[in-house]
Amino acid sequence: MSENESVTGRPWVDPDDAPELTEEFFERADEYNGERVVRRGRRPAAVTKVAVTVRYDADVIAAFRAMGKGWQTQMNDALREWLAKREERR
């Protein structure tokens, strides 16, 4: 017998020991604010991003990646700044 094997094995669990699913159980399962169900997790972002596939020159990507964590956000900000300057010239 190897050291990793359990000497006693797994304990038997009686499936009848599971709690009964009552109305009270389901009422506690969702959180309500008045009549409205409160959703768990992160709230939806006010401004959503769009996933696209774009090809950039390797040196451009290398320069942004060299900025470290958040380089994609910095790239987005640089493009937004370029668009703003372009609009000013019109």
C-alpha atoms as a PDB file:
ATOM      1  CA  MET A   1       0.000   0.000   0.000  1.00  0.00           C
ATOM      2  CA  SER A   2       1.390   3.444  -0.920  1.00  0.00           C
ATOM      3  CA  GLU A   3       1.451   6.441   1.404  1.00  0.00           C
ATOM      4  CA  ASN A   4      -1.037   8.359  -0.725  1.00  0.00           C
ATOM      5  CA  GLU A   5      -3.829   5.851  -0.331  1.00  0.00           C
ATOM      6  CA  SER A   6      -6.266   6.399   2.496  1.00  0.00           C
ATOM      7  CA  VAL A   7      -6.176   3.668   5.112  1.00  0.00           C
ATOM      8  CA  THR A   8      -9.849   3.945   5.986  1.00  0.00           C
ATOM      9  CA  GLY A   9     -11.235   4.961   2.589  1.00  0.00           C
ATOM     10  CA  ARG A  10     -13.940   7.534   2.111  1.00  0.00           C
ATOM     11  CA  PRO A  11     -16.717   7.726   4.670  1.00  0.00           C
ATOM     12  CA  TRP A  12     -20.135   6.663   3.428  1.00  0.00           C
ATOM     13  CA  VAL A  13     -22.603   9.541   3.098  1.00  0.00           C
ATOM     14  CA  ASP A  14     -26.290   8.723   3.251  1.00  0.00           C
ATOM     15  CA  PRO A  15     -28.096  10.650   0.487  1.00  0.00           C
ATOM     16  CA  ASP A  16     -31.161  10.800   2.741  1.00  0.00           C
ATOM     17  CA  ASP A  17     -29.170  13.112   5.054  1.00  0.00           C
ATOM     18  CA  ALA A  18     -29.479  15.968   2.517  1.00  0.00           C
ATOM     19  CA  PRO A  19     -31.668  18.850   3.714  1.00  0.00           C
ATOM     20  CA  GLU A  20     -35.222  18.963   2.438  1.00  0.00           C
ATOM     21  CA  LEU A  21     -35.830  21.611  -0.203  1.00  0.00           C
ATOM     22  CA  THR A  22     -38.697  23.603   1.280  1.00  0.00           C
ATOM     23  CA  GLU A  23     -40.319  26.887   0.229  1.00  0.00           C
ATOM     24  CA  GLU A  24     -38.331  28.615   2.967  1.00  0.00           C
ATOM     25  CA  PHE A  25     -35.092  27.299   1.405  1.00  0.00           C
ATOM     26  CA  PHE A  26     -35.995  28.743  -1.995  1.00  0.00           C
ATOM     27  CA  GLU A  27     -37.099  32.073  -0.502  1.00  0.00           C
ATOM     28  CA  ARG A  28     -33.648  32.470   1.029  1.00  0.00           C
ATOM     29  CA  ALA A  29     -31.924  31.451  -2.220  1.00  0.00           C
ATOM     30  CA  ASP A  30     -32.548  34.819  -3.904  1.00  0.00           C
ATOM     31  CA  GLU A  31     -32.110  38.196  -2.315  1.00  0.00           C
ATOM     32  CA  TYR A  32     -34.902  40.685  -2.853  1.00  0.00           C
ATOM     33  CA  ASN A  33     -35.056  44.463  -2.589  1.00  0.00           C
ATOM     34  CA  GLY A  34     -38.824  44.922  -2.367  1.00  0.00           C
ATOM     35  CA  GLU A  35     -40.228  42.968  -5.311  1.00  0.00           C
ATOM     36  CA  ARG A  36     -36.965  43.209  -7.300  1.00  0.00           C
ATOM     37  CA  VAL A  37     -34.441  40.358  -7.299  1.00  0.00           C
ATOM     38  CA  VAL A  38     -30.928  41.565  -6.463  1.00  0.00           C
ATOM     39  CA  ARG A  39     -28.460  39.930  -8.828  1.00  0.00           C
ATOM     40  CA  ARG A  40     -25.137  38.769  -7.434  1.00  0.00           C
ATOM     41  CA  GLY A  41     -21.779  39.486  -8.974  1.00  0.00           C
ATOM     42  CA  ARG A  42     -20.243  42.450 -10.703  1.00  0.00           C
ATOM     43  CA  ARG A  43     -22.614  45.092 -12.006  1.00  0.00           C
ATOM     44  CA  PRO A  44     -22.705  45.603 -15.782  1.00  0.00           C
ATOM     45  CA  ALA A  45     -20.259  48.246 -16.917  1.00  0.00           C
ATOM     46  CA  ALA A  46     -21.735  51.580 -18.009  1.00  0.00           C
ATOM     47  CA  VAL A  47     -19.426  51.569 -21.033  1.00  0.00           C
ATOM     48  CA  THR A  48     -18.822  48.180 -22.571  1.00  0.00           C
ATOM     49  CA  LYS A  49     -15.875  47.159 -24.675  1.00  0.00           C
ATOM     50  CA  VAL A  50     -16.100  45.417 -28.051  1.00  0.00           C
ATOM     51  CA  ALA A  51     -13.816  42.491 -28.830  1.00  0.00           C
ATOM     52  CA  VAL A  52     -12.220  42.777 -32.268  1.00  0.00           C
ATOM     53  CA  THR A  53      -9.379  41.150 -34.124  1.00  0.00           C
ATOM     54  CA  VAL A  54      -6.850  43.705 -35.374  1.00  0.00           C
ATOM     55  CA  ARG A  55      -3.361  43.332 -36.785  1.00  0.00           C
ATOM     56  CA  TYR A  56      -0.679  45.831 -35.684  1.00  0.00           C
ATOM     57  CA  ASP A  57       3.004  46.009 -36.488  1.00  0.00           C
ATOM     58  CA  ALA A  58       5.124  43.986 -34.057  1.00  0.00           C
ATOM     59  CA  ASP A  59       7.105  47.050 -32.913  1.00  0.00           C
ATOM     60  CA  VAL A  60       3.893  48.921 -32.005  1.00  0.00           C
ATOM     61  CA  ILE A  61       2.646  46.023 -29.875  1.00  0.00           C
ATOM     62  CA  ALA A  62       6.092  45.579 -28.298  1.00  0.00           C
ATOM     63  CA  ALA A  63       6.184  49.257 -27.317  1.00  0.00           C
ATOM     64  CA  PHE A  64       2.769  49.111 -25.643  1.00  0.00           C
ATOM     65  CA  ARG A  65       3.518  45.795 -23.926  1.00  0.00           C
ATOM     66  CA  ALA A  66       6.717  47.306 -22.545  1.00  0.00           C
ATOM     67  CA  MET A  67       4.490  49.726 -20.600  1.00  0.00           C
ATOM     68  CA  GLY A  68       3.523  46.805 -18.380  1.00  0.00           C
ATOM     69  CA  LYS A  69       0.211  45.846 -16.892  1.00  0.00           C
ATOM     70  CA  GLY A  70      -2.698  47.714 -18.458  1.00  0.00           C
ATOM     71  CA  TRP A  71      -0.987  48.192 -21.807  1.00  0.00           C
ATOM     72  CA  GLN A  72      -4.215  47.470 -23.701  1.00  0.00           C
ATOM     73  CA  THR A  73      -6.034  50.210 -21.785  1.00  0.00           C
ATOM     74  CA  GLN A  74      -3.151  52.578 -22.516  1.00  0.00           C
ATOM     75  CA  MET A  75      -3.391  51.670 -26.193  1.00  0.00           C
ATOM     76  CA  ASN A  76      -7.130  52.395 -26.100  1.00  0.00           C
ATOM     77  CA  ASP A  77      -6.438  55.755 -24.425  1.00  0.00           C
ATOM     78  CA  ALA A  78      -3.814  56.643 -27.057  1.00  0.00           C
ATOM     79  CA  LEU A  79      -6.281  55.898 -29.855  1.00  0.00           C
ATOM     80  CA  ARG A  80      -8.981  57.943 -28.108  1.00  0.00           C
ATOM     81  CA  GLU A  81      -6.529  60.875 -27.749  1.00  0.00           C
ATOM     82  CA  TRP A  82      -5.629  60.633 -31.442  1.00  0.00           C
ATOM     83  CA  LEU A  83      -9.328  60.716 -32.372  1.00  0.00           C
ATOM     84  CA  ALA A  84      -9.901  63.800 -30.204  1.00  0.00           C
ATOM     85  CA  LYS A  85      -6.997  65.662 -31.866  1.00  0.00           C
ATOM     86  CA  ARG A  86      -8.311  64.658 -35.286  1.00  0.00           C
ATOM     87  CA  GLU A  87     -11.755  66.062 -34.422  1.00  0.00           C
ATOM     88  CA  GLU A  88     -10.162  69.365 -33.264  1.00  0.00           C
ATOM     89  CA  ARG A  89      -8.608  69.875 -36.707  1.00  0.00           C
ATOM     90  CA  ARG A  90     -11.965  69.640 -38.484  1.00  0.00           C
END
